[in-house]
Protein backbone atom coordinates (compact mmCIF):
# COMPACT_ATOMS: atom_id res chain seq x y z
CA MET A 1 3.93 -15.70 15.92
CA PRO A 2 2.07 -13.79 18.99
CA CYS A 3 4.89 -11.08 19.22
CA THR A 4 7.85 -10.78 16.36
CA VAL A 5 10.68 -8.60 15.95
CA VAL A 6 12.25 -8.27 12.86
CA VAL A 7 15.67 -6.97 13.08
CA GLY A 8 18.51 -5.98 10.74
CA ALA A 9 21.54 -8.16 11.70
CA GLN A 10 24.08 -5.85 9.40
CA TRP A 11 24.78 -2.35 9.03
CA GLY A 12 21.29 -2.11 7.17
CA ASP A 13 19.47 -2.64 3.86
CA GLU A 14 19.29 -6.12 4.56
CA GLY A 15 16.02 -6.51 2.80
CA LYS A 16 13.90 -6.23 5.84
CA GLY A 17 11.03 -4.62 4.19
CA LYS A 18 10.47 -7.50 1.34
CA ILE A 19 10.75 -10.17 4.62
CA VAL A 20 8.38 -8.14 6.88
CA ASP A 21 6.06 -8.02 3.50
CA ALA A 22 5.94 -12.03 3.15
CA LEU A 23 5.36 -12.59 6.96
CA SER A 24 2.89 -9.71 6.97
CA GLU A 25 0.75 -12.50 5.35
CA ALA A 26 0.30 -14.38 8.73
CA ALA A 27 0.24 -11.09 10.93
CA ASP A 28 -2.63 -9.14 12.31
CA VAL A 29 -0.67 -6.03 12.45
CA VAL A 30 2.71 -4.43 12.21
CA ALA A 31 4.61 -1.90 13.96
CA ARG A 32 7.53 0.05 13.23
CA TYR A 33 9.68 0.93 16.37
CA GLN A 34 12.46 2.98 15.64
CA GLY A 35 13.97 5.52 12.54
CA GLY A 36 12.72 7.67 10.84
CA PRO A 37 12.05 8.66 7.03
CA ASN A 38 16.19 8.14 6.56
CA ALA A 39 15.27 4.58 6.25
CA GLY A 40 13.39 3.17 2.87
CA HIS A 41 12.22 -0.40 2.58
CA SER A 42 11.72 -1.52 -1.06
CA VAL A 43 8.61 -3.70 -1.10
CA ILE A 44 7.22 -4.87 -4.87
CA HIS A 45 3.76 -4.44 -5.58
CA GLU A 46 1.60 -5.54 -8.20
CA GLY A 47 4.58 -4.76 -10.11
CA GLU A 48 5.89 -1.86 -9.00
CA THR A 49 8.78 -1.23 -6.67
CA LEU A 50 7.41 0.74 -3.23
CA VAL A 51 9.52 2.79 -0.78
CA LEU A 52 8.23 2.89 2.26
CA HIS A 53 9.65 5.08 4.82
CA LEU A 54 7.72 5.85 7.46
CA VAL A 55 4.75 2.92 6.77
CA PRO A 56 5.53 -0.16 8.12
CA SER A 57 5.99 -2.84 5.28
CA GLY A 58 2.76 -4.64 6.14
CA ILE A 59 0.55 -1.62 4.29
CA LEU A 60 0.46 -3.59 1.60
CA HIS A 61 -1.79 -6.31 2.93
CA LYS A 62 -5.26 -5.35 3.20
CA GLY A 63 -6.83 -5.48 6.08
CA ARG A 64 -3.82 -5.23 8.01
CA ARG A 65 -3.07 -2.68 10.87
CA CYS A 66 0.32 -0.80 10.81
CA LEU A 67 1.13 1.54 13.54
CA ILE A 68 4.47 4.05 13.76
CA GLY A 69 5.32 3.79 17.81
CA ASN A 70 6.81 6.18 19.78
CA GLY A 71 10.33 5.03 18.71
CA VAL A 72 10.24 6.71 15.59
CA VAL A 73 10.49 10.22 14.58
CA ILE A 74 7.93 11.59 12.04
CA ASP A 75 8.54 14.35 9.66
CA PRO A 76 4.67 15.47 9.31
CA LYS A 77 4.79 16.28 5.88
CA LYS A 78 7.28 13.32 4.47
CA LEU A 79 4.62 10.75 5.96
CA HIS A 80 1.48 12.75 4.75
CA ASP A 81 3.30 12.29 0.92
CA GLU A 82 4.22 8.84 1.50
CA VAL A 83 0.48 7.84 2.50
CA LEU A 84 -0.78 9.92 -0.48
CA GLY A 85 1.31 8.49 -3.04
CA LEU A 86 0.04 4.70 -1.46
CA GLU A 87 -3.24 5.95 -1.76
CA LYS A 88 -3.01 6.88 -5.62
CA ARG A 89 -1.60 3.50 -6.25
CA GLY A 90 -4.60 1.65 -4.69
CA VAL A 91 -3.21 1.29 -1.44
CA PRO A 92 -5.63 2.45 1.56
CA ALA A 93 -2.76 3.18 3.42
CA SER A 94 -4.75 6.41 5.81
CA THR A 95 -7.54 3.12 6.91
CA GLN A 96 -4.78 1.34 7.97
CA LEU A 97 -2.44 3.53 9.54
CA GLY A 98 -1.95 4.23 13.23
CA VAL A 99 0.56 6.92 14.39
CA SER A 100 1.69 7.40 18.28
CA ALA A 101 1.06 10.34 20.03
CA ALA A 102 4.46 10.28 21.85
CA ALA A 103 6.50 9.96 18.51
CA HIS A 104 8.88 12.81 17.98
CA LEU A 105 8.55 15.01 15.57
CA ILE A 106 11.66 16.05 12.89
CA LEU A 107 11.07 19.78 12.46
CA PRO A 108 12.66 22.47 10.02
CA TYR A 109 15.19 23.40 11.96
CA HIS A 110 16.66 19.98 12.68
CA ILE A 111 17.33 19.45 9.21
CA ALA A 112 19.15 23.06 9.09
CA VAL A 113 21.56 22.08 12.01
CA GLU A 114 22.21 18.62 10.18
CA ALA A 115 23.29 19.82 6.83
CA SER A 116 25.32 22.32 9.03
CA PHE A 117 26.88 19.14 11.03
CA GLU A 118 27.46 17.31 7.88
CA ARG A 119 29.56 20.22 6.57
CA GLY A 120 32.36 20.14 9.82
CA PRO A 121 34.93 18.00 10.85
CA ALA A 122 32.85 15.75 12.91
CA ALA A 123 30.62 14.36 9.77
CA ILE A 124 29.42 11.08 9.79
CA GLY A 125 27.68 10.51 6.85
CA THR A 126 24.04 10.84 7.12
CA THR A 127 21.00 11.07 4.83
CA GLY A 128 20.57 14.55 6.26
CA ARG A 129 16.81 14.27 7.12
CA GLY A 130 17.07 15.55 10.37
CA ILE A 131 16.68 12.18 12.36
CA GLY A 132 19.99 12.55 14.38
CA PHE A 133 18.89 16.06 15.74
CA ALA A 134 15.36 15.34 16.29
CA TYR A 135 16.53 12.04 18.50
CA ARG A 136 19.19 14.49 20.34
CA ASP A 137 16.15 17.02 21.07
CA LYS A 138 13.91 13.56 22.81
CA ALA A 139 17.16 12.90 24.97
CA ALA A 140 17.58 16.52 26.23
CA ARG A 141 13.66 16.85 27.14
CA THR A 142 13.43 20.14 24.67
CA GLY A 143 11.85 17.96 21.64
CA LEU A 144 7.74 17.94 20.41
CA ARG A 145 5.77 15.09 19.66
CA VAL A 146 3.25 14.77 18.00
CA ALA A 147 0.92 15.68 20.36
CA ASP A 148 2.10 18.83 20.97
CA LEU A 149 0.93 19.89 17.24
CA TYR A 150 -2.42 20.46 18.87
CA ASP A 151 -1.01 22.36 21.74
CA ARG A 152 0.08 25.77 20.12
CA GLU A 153 1.07 27.50 23.38
CA HIS A 154 3.53 24.79 24.25
CA PHE A 155 4.44 24.20 20.95
CA VAL A 156 5.21 27.92 19.86
CA ALA A 157 7.16 28.29 22.72
CA GLN A 158 9.61 25.81 23.13
CA ALA A 159 10.25 26.21 18.81
CA ASP A 160 11.46 29.44 19.63
CA ARG A 161 13.80 28.32 22.67
CA ASN A 162 15.50 25.74 20.73
CA LEU A 163 15.45 27.76 17.69
CA ALA A 164 17.59 30.58 19.77
CA ARG A 165 19.63 27.59 21.41
CA LEU A 166 20.30 26.11 17.82
CA ALA A 167 21.72 29.33 16.50
CA LEU A 168 24.43 30.04 19.11
CA GLU A 169 25.67 26.24 18.74
CA TYR A 170 25.64 26.33 15.11
CA PRO A 171 26.58 29.85 13.70
CA ASP A 172 26.93 28.71 9.92
CA ALA A 173 22.84 27.68 10.23
CA ALA A 174 22.41 31.00 12.09
CA ALA A 175 20.44 33.06 9.51
CA GLU A 176 18.38 30.22 8.47
CA LEU A 177 17.16 29.38 12.05
CA ARG A 178 16.75 33.51 12.79
CA ALA A 179 14.56 33.29 9.92
CA MET A 180 12.06 30.12 11.64
CA ASN A 181 9.94 31.18 14.61
CA GLY A 182 7.48 28.78 16.51
CA ALA A 183 4.61 30.47 15.41
CA ALA A 184 5.13 29.99 11.72
CA LEU A 185 6.61 26.60 12.09
CA PHE A 186 2.82 25.80 13.76
CA GLU A 187 1.33 27.42 11.12
CA SER A 188 2.86 25.93 8.57
CA LEU A 189 1.78 21.79 10.14
CA ALA A 190 -1.40 22.87 10.88
CA PRO A 191 -2.70 21.27 7.52
CA MET A 192 -0.87 18.65 8.26
CA ALA A 193 -1.95 18.03 11.94
CA ARG A 194 -5.72 18.40 10.73
CA TRP A 195 -4.64 15.47 8.73
CA LEU A 196 -3.14 13.62 10.97
CA ALA A 197 -5.48 13.66 13.78
CA PRO A 198 -7.31 11.26 12.71
CA LEU A 199 -4.88 8.57 12.76
CA VAL A 200 -3.27 9.67 16.13
CA THR A 201 -3.56 6.84 18.63
CA ASP A 202 -2.23 5.26 21.96
CA VAL A 203 0.27 2.37 20.43
CA GLY A 204 1.43 0.51 23.39
CA GLU A 205 -2.41 0.28 24.85
CA GLU A 206 -3.73 -0.96 21.15
CA LEU A 207 -1.08 -3.22 20.81
CA HIS A 208 -1.70 -4.56 24.38
CA ALA A 209 -5.18 -5.06 23.75
CA LEU A 210 -4.63 -7.20 20.55
CA LEU A 211 -2.14 -9.07 22.49
CA GLN A 212 -4.44 -10.16 24.52
CA ALA A 213 -7.00 -10.87 21.93
CA GLY A 214 -4.97 -13.48 20.68
CA LYS A 215 -3.79 -11.35 17.83
CA ARG A 216 -0.29 -11.96 15.88
CA ILE A 217 2.10 -8.87 15.59
CA LEU A 218 5.09 -8.33 13.62
CA LEU A 219 7.31 -5.31 14.87
CA GLU A 220 9.92 -3.95 12.17
CA GLY A 221 12.75 -1.78 12.75
CA ALA A 222 15.02 0.29 10.65
CA GLN A 223 19.04 -0.05 9.82
CA GLY A 224 20.45 -2.51 11.52
CA THR A 225 22.20 -3.93 14.58
CA LEU A 226 25.91 -2.73 13.31
CA LEU A 227 23.76 0.85 13.58
CA ASP A 228 22.96 0.42 16.73
CA LEU A 229 23.35 3.40 19.29
CA ASP A 230 24.06 1.49 22.13
CA HIS A 231 26.00 -1.85 20.26
CA GLY A 232 26.73 -0.28 16.94
CA THR A 233 29.95 0.89 15.60
CA TYR A 234 29.84 3.82 17.59
CA PRO A 235 30.03 7.32 16.73
CA PHE A 236 28.97 5.76 13.18
CA VAL A 237 25.95 4.84 14.42
CA THR A 238 22.15 6.48 13.97
CA SER A 239 20.97 7.65 16.64
CA SER A 240 18.07 5.13 18.32
CA PRO A 241 18.04 1.76 18.99
CA ALA A 242 17.87 -0.65 15.89
CA SER A 243 18.65 -3.60 17.58
CA ALA A 244 15.84 -6.24 18.92
CA ALA A 245 15.74 -4.67 22.54
CA GLY A 246 14.66 -1.76 21.33
CA ALA A 247 11.81 -3.16 19.85
CA PRO A 248 9.43 -3.70 22.86
CA LEU A 249 10.34 0.12 23.99
CA GLY A 250 9.46 1.63 20.71
CA VAL A 251 6.03 0.68 21.02
CA GLY A 252 5.13 0.97 24.24
CA LEU A 253 5.06 -3.41 25.24
CA GLY A 254 7.10 -5.33 28.07
CA PRO A 255 10.13 -7.03 26.68
CA THR A 256 8.36 -10.49 27.88
CA ALA A 257 6.03 -9.39 25.01
CA VAL A 258 8.35 -10.73 22.29
CA ASP A 259 8.71 -14.29 21.44
CA GLU A 260 10.60 -14.85 18.26
CA VAL A 261 13.59 -12.28 17.17
CA ILE A 262 14.51 -12.48 13.53
CA GLY A 263 17.53 -11.83 11.96
CA VAL A 264 17.87 -10.39 8.58
CA THR A 265 21.40 -10.43 6.58
CA LYS A 266 22.43 -10.42 3.21
CA ALA A 267 24.35 -13.21 1.70
CA TYR A 268 27.51 -10.63 1.77
CA ALA A 269 27.80 -7.35 3.36
CA THR A 270 26.73 -3.55 2.52
CA ARG A 271 27.23 -0.08 4.51
CA VAL A 272 26.10 3.48 3.68
CA GLY A 273 28.40 6.13 4.91
CA HIS A 274 31.28 6.65 6.77
CA GLY A 275 32.44 4.03 9.55
CA PRO A 276 34.48 0.86 9.51
CA PHE A 277 33.61 -2.00 7.11
CA PRO A 278 36.29 -4.72 7.78
CA SER A 279 35.18 -7.10 5.23
CA GLU A 280 34.92 -3.83 2.38
CA MET A 281 36.17 -5.04 -1.19
CA PRO A 282 38.64 -3.41 -3.63
CA PRO A 283 37.14 -0.79 -5.80
CA ALA A 284 36.82 -2.83 -8.55
CA GLU A 285 35.61 -5.81 -7.12
CA SER A 286 32.62 -3.94 -4.97
CA ALA A 287 31.40 -2.00 -7.99
CA LEU A 288 30.98 -5.37 -9.64
CA LEU A 289 28.49 -6.29 -6.62
CA ARG A 290 26.90 -3.23 -6.31
CA GLU A 291 26.04 -3.48 -9.66
CA ALA A 292 24.90 -7.35 -9.13
CA GLY A 293 22.85 -6.83 -6.48
CA GLY A 294 21.63 -2.78 -7.60
CA GLU A 295 23.40 -1.52 -4.08
CA TYR A 296 22.10 1.97 -4.02
CA GLY A 297 20.30 3.89 -1.15
CA ALA A 298 16.93 3.30 -1.47
CA THR A 299 15.96 6.91 0.14
CA THR A 300 19.27 8.47 -1.04
CA GLY A 301 20.17 6.81 -4.34
CA ARG A 302 23.80 6.96 -2.68
CA PRO A 303 26.21 4.14 -3.95
CA ARG A 304 26.49 1.45 -0.67
CA ARG A 305 29.98 0.24 0.08
CA CYS A 306 30.23 -3.43 -0.62
CA GLY A 307 32.03 -6.37 0.84
CA TRP A 308 31.69 -10.14 2.03
CA LEU A 309 29.86 -11.85 4.45
CA ASP A 310 31.47 -10.48 8.20
CA LEU A 311 31.09 -13.68 10.59
CA PRO A 312 32.54 -12.01 13.64
CA ALA A 313 30.00 -9.23 13.08
CA LEU A 314 26.67 -11.78 12.58
CA ARG A 315 27.73 -13.89 15.41
CA TYR A 316 27.55 -10.13 17.52
CA ALA A 317 23.89 -9.36 16.23
CA ALA A 318 22.87 -12.92 17.00
CA ARG A 319 24.28 -12.38 20.45
CA VAL A 320 23.21 -9.04 20.81
CA ASN A 321 19.37 -9.36 19.84
CA GLY A 322 19.17 -13.32 20.53
CA LEU A 323 18.36 -13.98 17.24
CA THR A 324 15.95 -17.23 17.14
CA GLN A 325 15.87 -17.41 13.46
CA LEU A 326 17.81 -16.23 10.09
CA VAL A 327 16.84 -15.40 7.25
CA VAL A 328 19.23 -14.82 4.35
CA THR A 329 18.89 -12.40 1.77
CA LYS A 330 20.20 -11.41 -2.23
CA LEU A 331 21.61 -14.86 -2.15
CA ASP A 332 21.15 -14.87 -6.24
CA VAL A 333 23.59 -11.80 -6.41
CA LEU A 334 26.35 -14.02 -5.75
CA ASP A 335 24.81 -16.58 -9.12
CA ALA A 336 28.24 -15.05 -11.10
CA PHE A 337 30.83 -15.55 -8.42
CA ALA A 338 33.86 -18.22 -9.05
CA GLU A 339 34.60 -17.57 -5.49
CA ILE A 340 32.91 -16.45 -2.67
CA GLN A 341 34.63 -15.30 0.76
CA VAL A 342 33.66 -14.57 4.01
CA ALA A 343 35.36 -12.43 7.10
CA VAL A 344 35.85 -15.10 9.20
CA GLY A 345 37.84 -13.46 11.87
CA TYR A 346 40.11 -10.44 11.99
CA THR A 347 43.49 -9.34 12.84
CA ILE A 348 45.33 -6.27 13.70
CA ASP A 349 49.24 -5.82 12.81
CA GLY A 350 49.41 -9.40 12.51
CA VAL A 351 47.56 -10.29 15.91
CA ALA A 352 44.14 -11.93 15.79
CA VAL A 353 41.50 -9.93 17.41
CA LYS A 354 39.31 -11.83 19.28
CA GLY A 355 34.99 -11.56 18.50
CA PHE A 356 33.85 -8.15 17.04
CA PRO A 357 35.90 -4.83 18.43
CA SER A 358 33.10 -2.40 20.49
CA SER A 359 35.58 0.10 19.21
CA ALA A 360 35.16 1.81 15.93
CA ARG A 361 39.03 2.74 16.35
CA GLU A 362 39.87 -0.28 16.99
CA LEU A 363 37.73 -2.19 14.21
CA GLU A 364 38.92 0.33 11.71
CA ARG A 365 42.41 -1.28 12.27
CA CYS A 366 41.28 -4.50 11.52
CA GLN A 367 41.89 -6.68 8.82
CA PRO A 368 39.75 -9.32 8.05
CA VAL A 369 41.11 -13.03 7.68
CA LEU A 370 39.02 -14.54 4.36
CA ARG A 371 37.56 -18.14 4.04
CA SER A 372 37.23 -19.20 0.30
CA PHE A 373 34.16 -21.33 -0.78
CA PRO A 374 33.23 -22.23 -4.52
CA GLY A 375 30.42 -20.26 -6.39
CA TRP A 376 27.31 -22.15 -7.79
CA ARG A 377 27.70 -20.33 -11.06
CA THR A 378 24.02 -21.26 -11.61
CA PRO A 379 20.90 -19.00 -11.43
CA THR A 380 19.24 -19.46 -7.95
CA THR A 381 16.28 -16.90 -8.96
CA GLY A 382 13.93 -20.34 -9.85
CA CYS A 383 14.64 -21.97 -6.47
CA ARG A 384 11.53 -22.64 -4.54
CA THR A 385 12.52 -25.30 -1.99
CA TRP A 386 16.04 -25.75 -0.06
CA ALA A 387 16.42 -29.22 -2.41
CA ASP A 388 16.66 -26.69 -5.59
CA LEU A 389 19.49 -24.61 -4.15
CA PRO A 390 22.59 -26.04 -5.63
CA ALA A 391 24.69 -27.98 -3.61
CA GLU A 392 27.29 -25.38 -3.16
CA ALA A 393 24.62 -22.71 -1.96
CA ARG A 394 23.36 -25.59 0.46
CA THR A 395 27.32 -26.06 2.12
CA TYR A 396 27.74 -22.27 1.95
CA LEU A 397 24.20 -21.48 3.80
CA GLU A 398 24.86 -24.72 6.00
CA TRP A 399 28.27 -23.37 7.25
CA ILE A 400 26.72 -19.84 8.20
CA GLU A 401 24.06 -21.81 10.57
CA ARG A 402 26.65 -24.15 12.08
CA GLU A 403 29.35 -20.94 12.71
CA VAL A 404 26.55 -18.49 14.07
CA GLY A 405 24.51 -20.88 15.46
CA VAL A 406 21.01 -19.87 14.63
CA ARG A 407 18.54 -21.54 11.95
CA ILE A 408 17.86 -20.09 8.53
CA ALA A 409 14.78 -20.47 8.17
CA ARG A 410 14.39 -18.08 4.69
CA VAL A 411 16.57 -17.58 1.89
CA SER A 412 15.36 -15.00 -0.24
CA VAL A 413 16.84 -15.46 -4.42
CA GLY A 414 15.01 -12.31 -5.70
CA ALA A 415 13.26 -8.85 -5.57
CA ALA A 416 9.65 -10.11 -6.06
CA ARG A 417 7.43 -11.66 -3.73
CA ASP A 418 7.60 -14.99 -4.93
CA THR A 419 11.33 -15.20 -4.72
CA GLU A 420 12.13 -16.51 -2.07
CA LEU A 421 12.03 -20.17 -0.01
CA ALA A 422 10.87 -21.03 3.09
CA ARG A 423 12.99 -24.03 4.77
CA GLY A 424 10.80 -26.64 6.41
C-alpha cells in the first residue's frame, strides 16, 4: 500500500468511511482529496456512530496523520466544530490533522446563492451547503483559499467583488448578499483563522516526503464515481472530480504515485437528489430496502432512493477509475430478500443500449434489464470468512466480480468495525 485510493463506485454513500477506517490500520497517513462538508462518512468508534464531514476517516486511529488536501472545499466553522466534537469524545484530532493552505473556502455568500439556485427551475437537489458555488468560484479564479485568511487586504477586496457580482446574478438573494461585506466576513472568520493556523501545511510536499520515506498513504474521496463532475450523470453531479483520477490532483501528488485503486460498492444501489437512476425500485419495495439498510443521508438525514445493483454502471466505474480491487458493503441488508435482482443492461423503447450512457437525458429514458438471483434468507452478520457466507451469497458475489472483471477483496456485513471479512 505505498499509495492507495479508496473511491466510491456508485452515486456515493457506499460505506467508504468504514472501509477507510479499516484500511487505516495499515496506513501511516490518510488524506482527503475532494468534496466538502456535504459528504458524511459514518464510522463506529467505541460503540458510538461518528459522522465525519471534512476530517479524514483515519482520524480514529491513534497516531495516524490525517490531511485535508487542496481539492477539498472547507467551511472553517464546520471544520472547527467537527474537530472540537471529536476531541470531546477523546479523539486528539487537532494533533493529527493538517489542512492545505491551497484548499478553497466555503463562505456565507456561497450558501446564500446556492439556496436561491435550489429554489429555481434548475435545482439539482444539492445539500445546500455552498459546495457547488465554492467550486464555481475556484474554477472562475475568484475564490478565496485558506491562505487568504491571513491576507486581510486581498480577502476583503475579493469578497466585496464576489458579493457585488453575485447580487446582480442572483436577485432573489440580493438583499442577503448586500447585508454582507468583505471586512465583516474577514473579522467573523478571524477566530477560526487563529485556530486553524497551526494546522495549515503544504499537503503535497508533506505527502511526497512521506512517500520518499517509505510511508503508506491512503487517499480518501467523497461522493462516488457517478457523481464525478466529468464522468458522472451530468448535470446531476457534484462539483469536483470524485473519481480516482482526482485523488493525486486533490492532494498535490503526481498520478504515478498511486499503485492501488479500491472501489467501494453496496450490494445494491442508492442515490440522493435528482437525476437518472435506472435500477430504482418501485416506492414500496424501495421503502423496505431503505428501512433495512438505514438509507438516510449521514449529513442531511434525507431518505435515499433505493434500487438494485446496476451492473453497467459498476462496469463503467471500474473502467473510469482503473479499479484494482472491489469492496462490497451492506451485503447483510439483502439477508431477508427471497429474490435479489441486478440490472444487467438497459433498453430504450425496447432497443438494447450499449454500455453506460454518458448523457443523463438518455439515461433517464433507460429501462433496466433485470436478472434474478435466489436470496440466502439467513443472517450474514456473523460471517468472518468467505467460506462462512451462504452459498447463494457467494454465488452472487462471484458472479459480480466475473462480470465486472475486478476481484472482490472485502465484504462488509454490518456497520461495526469487526463486521467484515477480508478474502484470502
